[in-house]
Amino acid sequence: MSSSSGVARDHLALALDIDDLVAALRIARPLLDYFSVAKVGLELFSASGPEAIVALSTSGFDVFVDLKLHDIPTTVGRAARVLGALGVNYATVHTSGGLKMVAAATAGMSEGAESAGLAPPCVLGVTVLTSDTDASSDDLTRRAKIAADGGCGGVVCAASDLQVVTAAAPGLLRVVPGIRPSHVGHDDQARVATPNSAVRAGADLLVIGRAVTGAADPHAAAAQLHDEVASELTRMGAG
């Protein structure tokens, strides 16, 4: 694998929005050369829980648990403590819950990881969902600052929001969902971006789901997407 290919892999997360762990692993394992991260969302976590985390981790992926924690601070902190102890690499909390709740999530993740003798996960503050068409710059700025002030290591936002979010919370990992190659439909995403445009806009980690998992040939779709990102990174001087 070339250096640009290795760099591209580090920028790609595979979203396994599937309610069957066996099916998810059947898709994910052959794609390990293209994705460094596997994302476990509500569907897969509801179906398999911690088993999904262990299975993907032992398969060689960094694991991103995307539950978008949002509740009273005490409940979020306790749930985060459990997730931190499971050895996840990334986990999400919704910044709309406010600073106290986000701080409880980051503290809980660190406490859980420490209790298990593990490195703490990178907590990602979700700003505005990519299905939301009504987000204002003020909303984005306020929520990005909540993520930073609450101890998050990164933020989740649409590619079109990167400029505002980066200005409000510089230095955080920028995770961008809603990635769609130009030949793929938008589905229920309102604010999408192509892989290349997201990389150019400053995304650090691109979350790719149905464009690969729903393709007739997931391996071919993953290889094409990976090569496009590798080429863009090379053009930008990152490879």
C-alpha atoms as a PDB file:
ATOM      1  CA  MET A   1       0.000   0.000   0.000  1.00  0.00           C
ATOM      2  CA  SER A   2       1.397   3.403  -0.972  1.00  0.00           C
ATOM      3  CA  SER A   3       1.893   6.166   1.594  1.00  0.00           C
ATOM      4  CA  SER A   4      -1.057   8.133   0.182  1.00  0.00           C
ATOM      5  CA  SER A   5      -3.233   5.008   0.399  1.00  0.00           C
ATOM      6  CA  GLY A   6      -2.239   4.534   4.022  1.00  0.00           C
ATOM      7  CA  VAL A   7      -3.092   8.149   4.780  1.00  0.00           C
ATOM      8  CA  ALA A   8      -6.431   7.814   2.978  1.00  0.00           C
ATOM      9  CA  ARG A   9      -7.378   4.792   5.084  1.00  0.00           C
ATOM     10  CA  ASP A  10      -6.771   6.819   8.231  1.00  0.00           C
ATOM     11  CA  HIS A  11      -9.338   9.363   7.003  1.00  0.00           C
ATOM     12  CA  LEU A  12     -12.139   6.845   6.420  1.00  0.00           C
ATOM     13  CA  ALA A  13     -14.763   5.372   8.766  1.00  0.00           C
ATOM     14  CA  LEU A  14     -17.226   2.707   7.652  1.00  0.00           C
ATOM     15  CA  ALA A  15     -20.717   3.248   9.062  1.00  0.00           C
ATOM     16  CA  LEU A  16     -22.284  -0.127   9.793  1.00  0.00           C
ATOM     17  CA  ASP A  17     -25.915   0.950  10.081  1.00  0.00           C
ATOM     18  CA  ILE A  18     -27.061  -2.655  10.074  1.00  0.00           C
ATOM     19  CA  ASP A  19     -29.083  -4.542  12.705  1.00  0.00           C
ATOM     20  CA  ASP A  20     -27.227  -7.848  12.279  1.00  0.00           C
ATOM     21  CA  LEU A  21     -23.677  -8.317  13.565  1.00  0.00           C
ATOM     22  CA  VAL A  22     -22.925 -11.292  11.313  1.00  0.00           C
ATOM     23  CA  ALA A  23     -23.950  -9.275   8.253  1.00  0.00           C
ATOM     24  CA  ALA A  24     -21.997  -6.257   9.469  1.00  0.00           C
ATOM     25  CA  LEU A  25     -18.826  -8.291   9.907  1.00  0.00           C
ATOM     26  CA  ARG A  26     -19.320  -9.923   6.523  1.00  0.00           C
ATOM     27  CA  ILE A  27     -19.271  -6.449   4.974  1.00  0.00           C
ATOM     28  CA  ALA A  28     -16.607  -4.859   7.174  1.00  0.00           C
ATOM     29  CA  ARG A  29     -13.834  -7.438   7.346  1.00  0.00           C
ATOM     30  CA  PRO A  30     -13.021  -7.488   3.605  1.00  0.00           C
ATOM     31  CA  LEU A  31     -12.828  -3.678   3.662  1.00  0.00           C
ATOM     32  CA  LEU A  32     -10.179  -3.347   6.369  1.00  0.00           C
ATOM     33  CA  ASP A  33      -7.587  -2.202   3.819  1.00  0.00           C
ATOM     34  CA  TYR A  34      -9.769   0.819   3.015  1.00  0.00           C
ATOM     35  CA  PHE A  35     -11.193   1.870   6.391  1.00  0.00           C
ATOM     36  CA  SER A  36      -9.331   2.291   9.666  1.00  0.00           C
ATOM     37  CA  VAL A  37     -12.525   2.912  11.668  1.00  0.00           C
ATOM     38  CA  ALA A  38     -15.821   1.033  11.934  1.00  0.00           C
ATOM     39  CA  LYS A  39     -18.828   2.944  13.240  1.00  0.00           C
ATOM     40  CA  VAL A  40     -21.416   1.203  15.398  1.00  0.00           C
ATOM     41  CA  GLY A  41     -24.672   3.144  15.415  1.00  0.00           C
ATOM     42  CA  LEU A  42     -27.984   2.720  17.184  1.00  0.00           C
ATOM     43  CA  GLU A  43     -29.143  -0.193  15.013  1.00  0.00           C
ATOM     44  CA  LEU A  44     -26.116  -2.399  15.483  1.00  0.00           C
ATOM     45  CA  PHE A  45     -25.606  -1.484  19.133  1.00  0.00           C
ATOM     46  CA  SER A  46     -29.276  -2.209  19.863  1.00  0.00           C
ATOM     47  CA  ALA A  47     -28.937  -5.585  18.160  1.00  0.00           C
ATOM     48  CA  SER A  48     -25.583  -6.710  19.569  1.00  0.00           C
ATOM     49  CA  GLY A  49     -24.362  -4.211  22.167  1.00  0.00           C
ATOM     50  CA  PRO A  50     -20.788  -4.651  23.448  1.00  0.00           C
ATOM     51  CA  GLU A  51     -20.364  -7.784  21.328  1.00  0.00           C
ATOM     52  CA  ALA A  52     -20.230  -5.598  18.224  1.00  0.00           C
ATOM     53  CA  ILE A  53     -17.455  -3.491  19.724  1.00  0.00           C
ATOM     54  CA  VAL A  54     -15.360  -6.527  20.624  1.00  0.00           C
ATOM     55  CA  ALA A  55     -15.898  -8.214  17.251  1.00  0.00           C
ATOM     56  CA  LEU A  56     -14.893  -5.154  15.235  1.00  0.00           C
ATOM     57  CA  SER A  57     -11.958  -4.316  17.483  1.00  0.00           C
ATOM     58  CA  THR A  58     -10.532  -7.832  17.248  1.00  0.00           C
ATOM     59  CA  SER A  59     -11.028  -7.636  13.466  1.00  0.00           C
ATOM     60  CA  GLY A  60      -8.543  -4.757  13.391  1.00  0.00           C
ATOM     61  CA  PHE A  61     -10.743  -1.672  13.334  1.00  0.00           C
ATOM     62  CA  ASP A  62     -10.770   1.301  15.638  1.00  0.00           C
ATOM     63  CA  VAL A  63     -14.349   1.383  16.911  1.00  0.00           C
ATOM     64  CA  PHE A  64     -16.569   4.454  16.791  1.00  0.00           C
ATOM     65  CA  VAL A  65     -19.730   4.110  18.892  1.00  0.00           C
ATOM     66  CA  ASP A  66     -22.261   6.611  17.622  1.00  0.00           C
ATOM     67  CA  LEU A  67     -25.058   6.709  20.206  1.00  0.00           C
ATOM     68  CA  LYS A  68     -25.262  10.513  20.453  1.00  0.00           C
ATOM     69  CA  LEU A  69     -25.738  10.460  24.225  1.00  0.00           C
ATOM     70  CA  HIS A  70     -28.377  12.955  25.309  1.00  0.00           C
ATOM     71  CA  ASP A  71     -30.058  12.861  28.726  1.00  0.00           C
ATOM     72  CA  ILE A  72     -29.625  14.421  32.144  1.00  0.00           C
ATOM     73  CA  PRO A  73     -25.940  14.760  33.070  1.00  0.00           C
ATOM     74  CA  THR A  74     -25.981  12.013  35.691  1.00  0.00           C
ATOM     75  CA  THR A  75     -27.462   9.457  33.302  1.00  0.00           C
ATOM     76  CA  VAL A  76     -25.128  10.445  30.492  1.00  0.00           C
ATOM     77  CA  GLY A  77     -22.108  10.272  32.770  1.00  0.00           C
ATOM     78  CA  ARG A  78     -23.004   6.764  33.922  1.00  0.00           C
ATOM     79  CA  ALA A  79     -23.650   5.527  30.391  1.00  0.00           C
ATOM     80  CA  ALA A  80     -20.406   7.114  29.215  1.00  0.00           C
ATOM     81  CA  ARG A  81     -18.505   5.350  31.984  1.00  0.00           C
ATOM     82  CA  VAL A  82     -19.765   2.004  30.656  1.00  0.00           C
ATOM     83  CA  LEU A  83     -18.773   2.853  27.087  1.00  0.00           C
ATOM     84  CA  GLY A  84     -15.338   4.054  28.168  1.00  0.00           C
ATOM     85  CA  ALA A  85     -14.649   0.725  29.830  1.00  0.00           C
ATOM     86  CA  LEU A  86     -15.493  -1.189  26.651  1.00  0.00           C
ATOM     87  CA  GLY A  87     -12.406   0.029  24.815  1.00  0.00           C
ATOM     88  CA  VAL A  88     -14.060   2.172  22.162  1.00  0.00           C
ATOM     89  CA  ASN A  89     -11.869   4.654  20.288  1.00  0.00           C
ATOM     90  CA  TYR A  90     -14.545   7.259  19.518  1.00  0.00           C
ATOM     91  CA  ALA A  91     -17.957   7.985  21.017  1.00  0.00           C
ATOM     92  CA  THR A  92     -20.531  10.702  20.422  1.00  0.00           C
ATOM     93  CA  VAL A  93     -22.480  13.037  22.675  1.00  0.00           C
ATOM     94  CA  HIS A  94     -25.020  15.550  21.446  1.00  0.00           C
ATOM     95  CA  THR A  95     -23.965  19.114  22.219  1.00  0.00           C
ATOM     96  CA  SER A  96     -27.587  20.280  22.198  1.00  0.00           C
ATOM     97  CA  GLY A  97     -27.714  18.790  25.710  1.00  0.00           C
ATOM     98  CA  GLY A  98     -25.557  21.638  27.014  1.00  0.00           C
ATOM     99  CA  LEU A  99     -22.170  22.084  28.597  1.00  0.00           C
ATOM    100  CA  LYS A 100     -22.870  20.270  31.872  1.00  0.00           C
ATOM    101  CA  MET A 101     -24.109  17.176  30.054  1.00  0.00           C
ATOM    102  CA  VAL A 102     -21.193  17.128  27.603  1.00  0.00           C
ATOM    103  CA  ALA A 103     -18.701  17.519  30.449  1.00  0.00           C
ATOM    104  CA  ALA A 104     -20.370  14.599  32.246  1.00  0.00           C
ATOM    105  CA  ALA A 105     -19.943  12.488  29.115  1.00  0.00           C
ATOM    106  CA  THR A 106     -16.253  13.244  28.693  1.00  0.00           C
ATOM    107  CA  ALA A 107     -15.563  12.697  32.387  1.00  0.00           C
ATOM    108  CA  GLY A 108     -17.500   9.437  32.356  1.00  0.00           C
ATOM    109  CA  MET A 109     -15.647   8.132  29.311  1.00  0.00           C
ATOM    110  CA  SER A 110     -12.286   8.878  30.911  1.00  0.00           C
ATOM    111  CA  GLU A 111     -13.293   7.293  34.214  1.00  0.00           C
ATOM    112  CA  GLY A 112     -14.559   4.154  32.519  1.00  0.00           C
ATOM    113  CA  ALA A 113     -11.438   3.770  30.422  1.00  0.00           C
ATOM    114  CA  GLU A 114      -9.171   4.331  33.417  1.00  0.00           C
ATOM    115  CA  SER A 115     -11.045   1.704  35.434  1.00  0.00           C
ATOM    116  CA  ALA A 116     -10.364  -0.824  32.669  1.00  0.00           C
ATOM    117  CA  GLY A 117      -6.741   0.202  32.200  1.00  0.00           C
ATOM    118  CA  LEU A 118      -7.453   1.632  28.757  1.00  0.00           C
ATOM    119  CA  ALA A 119      -6.735   4.863  26.933  1.00  0.00           C
ATOM    120  CA  PRO A 120      -9.730   7.225  27.037  1.00  0.00           C
ATOM    121  CA  PRO A 121     -11.754   7.464  23.827  1.00  0.00           C
ATOM    122  CA  CYS A 122     -11.961  10.586  21.731  1.00  0.00           C
ATOM    123  CA  VAL A 123     -15.366  12.029  22.599  1.00  0.00           C
ATOM    124  CA  LEU A 124     -17.021  13.693  19.623  1.00  0.00           C
ATOM    125  CA  GLY A 125     -19.512  16.488  20.126  1.00  0.00           C
ATOM    126  CA  VAL A 126     -22.322  16.268  17.578  1.00  0.00           C
ATOM    127  CA  THR A 127     -23.206  19.793  16.478  1.00  0.00           C
ATOM    128  CA  VAL A 128     -26.125  19.672  14.038  1.00  0.00           C
ATOM    129  CA  LEU A 129     -27.361  16.573  12.217  1.00  0.00           C
ATOM    130  CA  THR A 130     -26.780  16.444   8.467  1.00  0.00           C
ATOM    131  CA  SER A 131     -30.530  15.887   8.030  1.00  0.00           C
ATOM    132  CA  ASP A 132     -31.237  19.268   9.663  1.00  0.00           C
ATOM    133  CA  THR A 133     -31.870  22.048   7.163  1.00  0.00           C
ATOM    134  CA  ASP A 134     -32.526  24.796   9.732  1.00  0.00           C
ATOM    135  CA  ALA A 135     -29.201  25.103  11.545  1.00  0.00           C
ATOM    136  CA  SER A 136     -27.885  28.633  11.881  1.00  0.00           C
ATOM    137  CA  SER A 137     -24.280  29.776  12.176  1.00  0.00           C
ATOM    138  CA  ASP A 138     -25.048  30.836  15.737  1.00  0.00           C
ATOM    139  CA  ASP A 139     -26.244  27.314  16.586  1.00  0.00           C
ATOM    140  CA  LEU A 140     -23.108  25.808  15.105  1.00  0.00           C
ATOM    141  CA  THR A 141     -20.806  28.239  16.870  1.00  0.00           C
ATOM    142  CA  ARG A 142     -22.478  27.747  20.237  1.00  0.00           C
ATOM    143  CA  ARG A 143     -22.463  23.953  19.988  1.00  0.00           C
ATOM    144  CA  ALA A 144     -18.893  23.760  18.764  1.00  0.00           C
ATOM    145  CA  LYS A 145     -17.820  25.842  21.755  1.00  0.00           C
ATOM    146  CA  ILE A 146     -19.770  23.518  24.059  1.00  0.00           C
ATOM    147  CA  ALA A 147     -17.838  20.583  22.592  1.00  0.00           C
ATOM    148  CA  ALA A 148     -14.505  22.313  23.187  1.00  0.00           C
ATOM    149  CA  ASP A 149     -15.361  23.613  26.657  1.00  0.00           C
ATOM    150  CA  GLY A 150     -16.845  20.256  27.662  1.00  0.00           C
ATOM    151  CA  GLY A 151     -13.615  18.405  26.962  1.00  0.00           C
ATOM    152  CA  CYS A 152     -14.436  16.772  23.633  1.00  0.00           C
ATOM    153  CA  GLY A 153     -11.564  15.762  21.408  1.00  0.00           C
ATOM    154  CA  GLY A 154     -13.550  16.302  18.238  1.00  0.00           C
ATOM    155  CA  VAL A 155     -16.750  17.492  16.632  1.00  0.00           C
ATOM    156  CA  VAL A 156     -19.205  15.989  14.172  1.00  0.00           C
ATOM    157  CA  CYS A 157     -20.623  18.318  11.544  1.00  0.00           C
ATOM    158  CA  ALA A 158     -21.588  18.560   7.893  1.00  0.00           C
ATOM    159  CA  ALA A 159     -18.866  19.507   5.435  1.00  0.00           C
ATOM    160  CA  SER A 160     -20.673  22.769   4.737  1.00  0.00           C
ATOM    161  CA  ASP A 161     -20.371  23.648   8.442  1.00  0.00           C
ATOM    162  CA  LEU A 162     -16.631  23.057   8.746  1.00  0.00           C
ATOM    163  CA  GLN A 163     -15.561  26.651   8.343  1.00  0.00           C
ATOM    164  CA  VAL A 164     -17.867  27.910  11.099  1.00  0.00           C
ATOM    165  CA  VAL A 165     -17.160  24.988  13.429  1.00  0.00           C
ATOM    166  CA  THR A 166     -13.384  25.165  12.969  1.00  0.00           C
ATOM    167  CA  ALA A 167     -13.376  28.891  13.698  1.00  0.00           C
ATOM    168  CA  ALA A 168     -15.368  28.328  16.893  1.00  0.00           C
ATOM    169  CA  ALA A 169     -13.417  25.298  18.109  1.00  0.00           C
ATOM    170  CA  PRO A 170      -9.986  25.123  16.455  1.00  0.00           C
ATOM    171  CA  GLY A 171      -7.801  22.125  17.108  1.00  0.00           C
ATOM    172  CA  LEU A 172     -10.550  19.526  17.445  1.00  0.00           C
ATOM    173  CA  LEU A 173     -10.798  16.450  15.232  1.00  0.00           C
ATOM    174  CA  ARG A 174     -13.348  17.161  12.489  1.00  0.00           C
ATOM    175  CA  VAL A 175     -15.607  14.213  11.694  1.00  0.00           C
ATOM    176  CA  VAL A 176     -17.936  14.574   8.712  1.00  0.00           C
ATOM    177  CA  PRO A 177     -20.880  12.285   7.937  1.00  0.00           C
ATOM    178  CA  GLY A 178     -23.240  12.697   4.997  1.00  0.00           C
ATOM    179  CA  ILE A 179     -20.535  11.762   2.501  1.00  0.00           C
ATOM    180  CA  ARG A 180     -21.887  10.804  -0.901  1.00  0.00           C
ATOM    181  CA  PRO A 181     -19.872  10.233  -4.085  1.00  0.00           C
ATOM    182  CA  SER A 182     -21.333  12.235  -6.970  1.00  0.00           C
ATOM    183  CA  HIS A 183     -23.066   9.175  -8.492  1.00  0.00           C
ATOM    184  CA  VAL A 184     -24.870   8.187  -5.249  1.00  0.00           C
ATOM    185  CA  GLY A 185     -28.254   9.517  -4.084  1.00  0.00           C
ATOM    186  CA  HIS A 186     -28.645  11.674  -0.970  1.00  0.00           C
ATOM    187  CA  ASP A 187     -31.162   9.377   0.798  1.00  0.00           C
ATOM    188  CA  ASP A 188     -32.371  11.203   3.966  1.00  0.00           C
ATOM    189  CA  GLN A 189     -29.343  13.484   4.199  1.00  0.00           C
ATOM    190  CA  ALA A 190     -30.049  17.153   3.498  1.00  0.00           C
ATOM    191  CA  ARG A 191     -26.480  18.489   3.570  1.00  0.00           C
ATOM    192  CA  VAL A 192     -24.110  16.131   1.831  1.00  0.00           C
ATOM    193  CA  ALA A 193     -20.652  16.420   0.313  1.00  0.00           C
ATOM    194  CA  THR A 194     -18.490  14.397  -2.018  1.00  0.00           C
ATOM    195  CA  PRO A 195     -15.409  12.798  -0.445  1.00  0.00           C
ATOM    196  CA  ASN A 196     -13.024  15.117  -2.269  1.00  0.00           C
ATOM    197  CA  SER A 197     -14.886  18.302  -1.379  1.00  0.00           C
ATOM    198  CA  ALA A 198     -15.060  17.275   2.292  1.00  0.00           C
ATOM    199  CA  VAL A 199     -11.302  16.628   2.400  1.00  0.00           C
ATOM    200  CA  ARG A 200     -10.615  19.970   0.737  1.00  0.00           C
ATOM    201  CA  ALA A 201     -12.882  21.676   3.276  1.00  0.00           C
ATOM    202  CA  GLY A 202     -10.789  20.288   6.156  1.00  0.00           C
ATOM    203  CA  ALA A 203     -12.483  17.064   7.238  1.00  0.00           C
ATOM    204  CA  ASP A 204     -10.218  14.759   9.237  1.00  0.00           C
ATOM    205  CA  LEU A 205     -12.453  11.671   9.235  1.00  0.00           C
ATOM    206  CA  LEU A 206     -15.113  10.915   6.619  1.00  0.00           C
ATOM    207  CA  VAL A 207     -18.005   8.675   7.673  1.00  0.00           C
ATOM    208  CA  ILE A 208     -19.167   6.510   4.760  1.00  0.00           C
ATOM    209  CA  GLY A 209     -22.202   4.264   5.040  1.00  0.00           C
ATOM    210  CA  ARG A 210     -24.759   3.405   2.398  1.00  0.00           C
ATOM    211  CA  ALA A 211     -22.541   4.525  -0.486  1.00  0.00           C
ATOM    212  CA  VAL A 212     -20.488   1.403   0.298  1.00  0.00           C
ATOM    213  CA  THR A 213     -22.681  -0.909   2.387  1.00  0.00           C
ATOM    214  CA  GLY A 214     -25.639  -0.488   0.023  1.00  0.00           C
ATOM    215  CA  ALA A 215     -23.602  -0.862  -3.159  1.00  0.00           C
ATOM    216  CA  ALA A 216     -24.014  -3.863  -5.424  1.00  0.00           C
ATOM    217  CA  ASP A 217     -20.274  -4.472  -4.957  1.00  0.00           C
ATOM    218  CA  PRO A 218     -19.170  -2.974  -1.613  1.00  0.00           C
ATOM    219  CA  HIS A 219     -15.519  -3.854  -2.207  1.00  0.00           C
ATOM    220  CA  ALA A 220     -15.416  -2.046  -5.561  1.00  0.00           C
ATOM    221  CA  ALA A 221     -17.267   0.948  -4.119  1.00  0.00           C
ATOM    222  CA  ALA A 222     -14.850   1.128  -1.174  1.00  0.00           C
ATOM    223  CA  ALA A 223     -11.807   0.842  -3.412  1.00  0.00           C
ATOM    224  CA  GLN A 224     -13.017   3.621  -5.698  1.00  0.00           C
ATOM    225  CA  LEU A 225     -13.842   5.947  -2.823  1.00  0.00           C
ATOM    226  CA  HIS A 226     -10.538   5.197  -1.095  1.00  0.00           C
ATOM    227  CA  ASP A 227      -8.566   5.892  -4.275  1.00  0.00           C
ATOM    228  CA  GLU A 228     -10.381   9.205  -4.797  1.00  0.00           C
ATOM    229  CA  VAL A 229      -9.491  10.325  -1.278  1.00  0.00           C
ATOM    230  CA  ALA A 230      -5.905   9.145  -1.678  1.00  0.00           C
ATOM    231  CA  SER A 231      -5.592  11.158  -4.900  1.00  0.00           C
ATOM    232  CA  GLU A 232      -7.030  14.251  -3.265  1.00  0.00           C
ATOM    233  CA  LEU A 233      -4.691  13.958  -0.296  1.00  0.00           C
ATOM    234  CA  THR A 234      -1.741  13.544  -2.635  1.00  0.00           C
ATOM    235  CA  ARG A 235      -2.814  16.622  -4.575  1.00  0.00           C
ATOM    236  CA  MET A 236      -3.001  18.544  -1.290  1.00  0.00           C
ATOM    237  CA  GLY A 237       0.447  17.293  -0.272  1.00  0.00           C
ATOM    238  CA  ALA A 238      -0.778  14.999   2.541  1.00  0.00           C
ATOM    239  CA  GLY A 239       0.433  11.787   0.956  1.00  0.00           C
END
